Amino acid sequence: MYVKHQNLKTTPEVSKRMKALSHKKSKVESVLAKALWHKGYRYRLNYKKLPGTPDIALTKYKIAIFVDGEFWHGKDFKKTKEKLKNNKDYWIEKIEENIQRDIKNDNLLRQMDWLPIHFWSQEVIKYTEYCIKEIEEIIYEVLNDDF
């Protein structure tokens, strides 16, 4: 059973920032999407028909691509959760829920014969071409598995 924390408070500035966050295409997702487009791959952005609403869905190959923010999706979470200062209990619970939701959505995608791929946002920024090559290798494997 999920119990919401009643006694945790956030500052008005944090609340305002959180409400302003868009769950649409971010700059990082755009970088990856444009690189795929220039390579000739066509896709759907924020594909709501799939669990987890993948940032990029290559429907032809049944590949769901997620560009995950390091903080929100818990990169190196065992280390980083010790560094949290404000509302530590809230953020630990929130990020752990995000991690569990990602696992659940990946399992649902696999049950639908889709292949989930996750990239950290900093990976995409620093190593866009490497990320594209990873996707192309997976596409190659998908195509060869069909024959």
C-alpha atoms as a PDB file:
ATOM      1  CA  MET A   1       0.000   0.000   0.000  1.00  0.00           C
ATOM      2  CA  TYR A   2       1.297   3.431  -0.963  1.00  0.00           C
ATOM      3  CA  VAL A   3       1.135   6.087   1.743  1.00  0.00           C
ATOM      4  CA  LYS A   4       1.761   9.669   0.754  1.00  0.00           C
ATOM      5  CA  HIS A   5       3.978  11.697   3.060  1.00  0.00           C
ATOM      6  CA  GLN A   6       1.845  14.365   4.675  1.00  0.00           C
ATOM      7  CA  ASN A   7       4.536  16.181   6.604  1.00  0.00           C
ATOM      8  CA  LEU A   8       7.027  16.827   3.810  1.00  0.00           C
ATOM      9  CA  LYS A   9       7.113  20.343   2.480  1.00  0.00           C
ATOM     10  CA  THR A  10       8.797  21.771  -0.546  1.00  0.00           C
ATOM     11  CA  THR A  11       9.623  25.366  -1.131  1.00  0.00           C
ATOM     12  CA  PRO A  12       7.331  27.355  -3.439  1.00  0.00           C
ATOM     13  CA  GLU A  13      10.245  27.711  -5.884  1.00  0.00           C
ATOM     14  CA  VAL A  14      10.706  23.930  -6.104  1.00  0.00           C
ATOM     15  CA  SER A  15       6.970  23.392  -6.527  1.00  0.00           C
ATOM     16  CA  LYS A  16       6.847  25.943  -9.326  1.00  0.00           C
ATOM     17  CA  ARG A  17       9.782  24.298 -11.127  1.00  0.00           C
ATOM     18  CA  MET A  18       8.236  20.835 -10.781  1.00  0.00           C
ATOM     19  CA  LYS A  19       4.894  21.981 -12.214  1.00  0.00           C
ATOM     20  CA  ALA A  20       6.643  23.643 -15.144  1.00  0.00           C
ATOM     21  CA  LEU A  21       8.425  20.449 -16.156  1.00  0.00           C
ATOM     22  CA  SER A  22       7.163  19.171 -19.441  1.00  0.00           C
ATOM     23  CA  HIS A  23       6.941  15.477 -20.120  1.00  0.00           C
ATOM     24  CA  LYS A  24       7.400  16.094 -23.799  1.00  0.00           C
ATOM     25  CA  LYS A  25      10.503  16.107 -25.919  1.00  0.00           C
ATOM     26  CA  SER A  26      13.543  17.489 -24.129  1.00  0.00           C
ATOM     27  CA  LYS A  27      16.610  18.927 -25.796  1.00  0.00           C
ATOM     28  CA  VAL A  28      18.518  15.701 -25.217  1.00  0.00           C
ATOM     29  CA  GLU A  29      15.754  13.576 -26.730  1.00  0.00           C
ATOM     30  CA  SER A  30      15.695  15.938 -29.716  1.00  0.00           C
ATOM     31  CA  VAL A  31      19.419  15.420 -30.300  1.00  0.00           C
ATOM     32  CA  LEU A  32      18.959  11.654 -30.466  1.00  0.00           C
ATOM     33  CA  ALA A  33      15.752  11.853 -32.515  1.00  0.00           C
ATOM     34  CA  LYS A  34      17.281  14.215 -35.084  1.00  0.00           C
ATOM     35  CA  ALA A  35      20.372  12.019 -35.413  1.00  0.00           C
ATOM     36  CA  LEU A  36      18.140   9.001 -36.056  1.00  0.00           C
ATOM     37  CA  TRP A  37      16.082  10.973 -38.568  1.00  0.00           C
ATOM     38  CA  HIS A  38      19.212  12.025 -40.477  1.00  0.00           C
ATOM     39  CA  LYS A  39      20.213   8.350 -40.673  1.00  0.00           C
ATOM     40  CA  GLY A  40      16.842   7.584 -42.287  1.00  0.00           C
ATOM     41  CA  TYR A  41      15.032   6.066 -39.310  1.00  0.00           C
ATOM     42  CA  ARG A  42      11.424   7.043 -38.774  1.00  0.00           C
ATOM     43  CA  TYR A  43       9.863   7.015 -35.343  1.00  0.00           C
ATOM     44  CA  ARG A  44       7.115   8.169 -33.008  1.00  0.00           C
ATOM     45  CA  LEU A  45       7.898  10.582 -30.210  1.00  0.00           C
ATOM     46  CA  ASN A  46       6.413  10.049 -26.732  1.00  0.00           C
ATOM     47  CA  TYR A  47       4.461   7.058 -27.977  1.00  0.00           C
ATOM     48  CA  LYS A  48       1.521   6.775 -25.586  1.00  0.00           C
ATOM     49  CA  LYS A  49       0.344   3.428 -26.984  1.00  0.00           C
ATOM     50  CA  LEU A  50       3.239   1.708 -25.210  1.00  0.00           C
ATOM     51  CA  PRO A  51       3.960   1.222 -21.500  1.00  0.00           C
ATOM     52  CA  GLY A  52       6.173   3.967 -20.127  1.00  0.00           C
ATOM     53  CA  THR A  53       5.520   6.251 -23.127  1.00  0.00           C
ATOM     54  CA  PRO A  54       8.924   5.786 -24.799  1.00  0.00           C
ATOM     55  CA  ASP A  55      10.688   8.989 -25.798  1.00  0.00           C
ATOM     56  CA  ILE A  56      11.346   7.472 -29.228  1.00  0.00           C
ATOM     57  CA  ALA A  57       9.574   4.419 -30.633  1.00  0.00           C
ATOM     58  CA  LEU A  58      10.950   2.770 -33.754  1.00  0.00           C
ATOM     59  CA  THR A  59       7.674   1.040 -34.603  1.00  0.00           C
ATOM     60  CA  LYS A  60       9.060  -0.754 -37.673  1.00  0.00           C
ATOM     61  CA  TYR A  61      11.573  -2.590 -35.471  1.00  0.00           C
ATOM     62  CA  LYS A  62       9.573  -2.648 -32.209  1.00  0.00           C
ATOM     63  CA  ILE A  63      12.276  -0.760 -30.339  1.00  0.00           C
ATOM     64  CA  ALA A  64      11.339   1.597 -27.485  1.00  0.00           C
ATOM     65  CA  ILE A  65      14.025   4.137 -26.619  1.00  0.00           C
ATOM     66  CA  PHE A  66      14.108   6.026 -23.333  1.00  0.00           C
ATOM     67  CA  VAL A  67      16.419   8.931 -22.540  1.00  0.00           C
ATOM     68  CA  ASP A  68      16.596   8.894 -18.761  1.00  0.00           C
ATOM     69  CA  GLY A  69      17.655  11.778 -16.555  1.00  0.00           C
ATOM     70  CA  GLU A  70      20.353  10.653 -14.149  1.00  0.00           C
ATOM     71  CA  PHE A  71      18.676  12.116 -11.057  1.00  0.00           C
ATOM     72  CA  TRP A  72      15.080  11.079 -11.771  1.00  0.00           C
ATOM     73  CA  HIS A  73      15.881   7.529 -12.824  1.00  0.00           C
ATOM     74  CA  GLY A  74      18.500   6.813 -10.183  1.00  0.00           C
ATOM     75  CA  LYS A  75      21.854   6.543 -11.900  1.00  0.00           C
ATOM     76  CA  ASP A  76      24.339   5.233  -9.293  1.00  0.00           C
ATOM     77  CA  PHE A  77      21.519   5.635  -6.785  1.00  0.00           C
ATOM     78  CA  LYS A  78      23.233   3.765  -3.958  1.00  0.00           C
ATOM     79  CA  LYS A  79      25.905   6.477  -3.968  1.00  0.00           C
ATOM     80  CA  THR A  80      23.785   9.508  -4.804  1.00  0.00           C
ATOM     81  CA  LYS A  81      21.019   8.915  -2.266  1.00  0.00           C
ATOM     82  CA  GLU A  82      23.543   9.511   0.515  1.00  0.00           C
ATOM     83  CA  LYS A  83      24.210  12.986  -0.907  1.00  0.00           C
ATOM     84  CA  LEU A  84      20.562  14.096  -0.816  1.00  0.00           C
ATOM     85  CA  LYS A  85      19.991  16.915   1.630  1.00  0.00           C
ATOM     86  CA  ASN A  86      16.471  18.335   1.282  1.00  0.00           C
ATOM     87  CA  ASN A  87      13.449  16.043   1.742  1.00  0.00           C
ATOM     88  CA  LYS A  88      15.729  13.012   1.660  1.00  0.00           C
ATOM     89  CA  ASP A  89      12.994  10.493   2.536  1.00  0.00           C
ATOM     90  CA  TYR A  90      10.666  11.895  -0.118  1.00  0.00           C
ATOM     91  CA  TRP A  91      13.280  11.815  -2.883  1.00  0.00           C
ATOM     92  CA  ILE A  92      14.506   8.338  -2.002  1.00  0.00           C
ATOM     93  CA  GLU A  93      10.945   7.016  -2.178  1.00  0.00           C
ATOM     94  CA  LYS A  94      10.205   8.935  -5.394  1.00  0.00           C
ATOM     95  CA  ILE A  95      13.334   7.786  -7.229  1.00  0.00           C
ATOM     96  CA  GLU A  96      12.973   4.185  -6.049  1.00  0.00           C
ATOM     97  CA  GLU A  97       9.395   4.234  -7.374  1.00  0.00           C
ATOM     98  CA  ASN A  98      10.697   5.567 -10.710  1.00  0.00           C
ATOM     99  CA  ILE A  99      13.265   2.750 -10.886  1.00  0.00           C
ATOM    100  CA  GLN A 100      10.599   0.121 -10.133  1.00  0.00           C
ATOM    101  CA  ARG A 101       8.217   1.665 -12.695  1.00  0.00           C
ATOM    102  CA  ASP A 102      10.973   1.538 -15.343  1.00  0.00           C
ATOM    103  CA  ILE A 103      11.540  -2.164 -14.620  1.00  0.00           C
ATOM    104  CA  LYS A 104       7.800  -2.877 -14.764  1.00  0.00           C
ATOM    105  CA  ASN A 105       7.385  -0.996 -18.059  1.00  0.00           C
ATOM    106  CA  ASP A 106      10.400  -2.758 -19.587  1.00  0.00           C
ATOM    107  CA  ASN A 107       8.864  -6.126 -18.670  1.00  0.00           C
ATOM    108  CA  LEU A 108       5.514  -5.111 -20.173  1.00  0.00           C
ATOM    109  CA  LEU A 109       7.253  -3.990 -23.369  1.00  0.00           C
ATOM    110  CA  ARG A 110       9.097  -7.313 -23.625  1.00  0.00           C
ATOM    111  CA  GLN A 111       5.792  -9.164 -23.187  1.00  0.00           C
ATOM    112  CA  MET A 112       4.531  -7.187 -26.194  1.00  0.00           C
ATOM    113  CA  ASP A 113       7.656  -8.225 -28.172  1.00  0.00           C
ATOM    114  CA  TRP A 114       9.157  -4.751 -27.970  1.00  0.00           C
ATOM    115  CA  LEU A 115      12.769  -4.171 -27.024  1.00  0.00           C
ATOM    116  CA  PRO A 116      13.354  -1.375 -24.479  1.00  0.00           C
ATOM    117  CA  ILE A 117      16.624   0.562 -24.658  1.00  0.00           C
ATOM    118  CA  HIS A 118      17.691   3.120 -22.062  1.00  0.00           C
ATOM    119  CA  PHE A 119      20.324   5.817 -22.421  1.00  0.00           C
ATOM    120  CA  TRP A 120      21.370   8.256 -19.727  1.00  0.00           C
ATOM    121  CA  SER A 121      20.881  11.843 -20.879  1.00  0.00           C
ATOM    122  CA  GLN A 122      24.570  12.682 -20.402  1.00  0.00           C
ATOM    123  CA  GLU A 123      25.489   9.683 -22.577  1.00  0.00           C
ATOM    124  CA  VAL A 124      23.347  11.042 -25.373  1.00  0.00           C
ATOM    125  CA  ILE A 125      24.849  14.522 -25.057  1.00  0.00           C
ATOM    126  CA  LYS A 126      28.482  13.383 -24.967  1.00  0.00           C
ATOM    127  CA  TYR A 127      28.306  10.280 -27.156  1.00  0.00           C
ATOM    128  CA  THR A 128      25.416  10.748 -29.573  1.00  0.00           C
ATOM    129  CA  GLU A 129      27.103   8.866 -32.389  1.00  0.00           C
ATOM    130  CA  TYR A 130      27.878   5.944 -30.084  1.00  0.00           C
ATOM    131  CA  CYS A 131      24.208   5.804 -29.021  1.00  0.00           C
ATOM    132  CA  ILE A 132      23.148   5.755 -32.686  1.00  0.00           C
ATOM    133  CA  LYS A 133      25.569   2.893 -33.382  1.00  0.00           C
ATOM    134  CA  GLU A 134      24.133   0.957 -30.436  1.00  0.00           C
ATOM    135  CA  ILE A 135      20.621   1.424 -31.823  1.00  0.00           C
ATOM    136  CA  GLU A 136      21.749   0.396 -35.314  1.00  0.00           C
ATOM    137  CA  GLU A 137      23.364  -2.770 -33.942  1.00  0.00           C
ATOM    138  CA  ILE A 138      20.102  -3.660 -32.236  1.00  0.00           C
ATOM    139  CA  ILE A 139      18.165  -2.960 -35.451  1.00  0.00           C
ATOM    140  CA  TYR A 140      20.568  -5.261 -37.303  1.00  0.00           C
ATOM    141  CA  GLU A 141      19.973  -7.998 -34.705  1.00  0.00           C
ATOM    142  CA  VAL A 142      16.194  -7.522 -34.924  1.00  0.00           C
ATOM    143  CA  LEU A 143      16.288  -7.782 -38.715  1.00  0.00           C
ATOM    144  CA  ASN A 144      18.459 -10.888 -38.649  1.00  0.00           C
ATOM    145  CA  ASP A 145      16.301 -12.606 -36.040  1.00  0.00           C
ATOM    146  CA  ASP A 146      13.316 -12.347 -38.366  1.00  0.00           C
ATOM    147  CA  PHE A 147      14.976 -14.428 -41.090  1.00  0.00           C
END
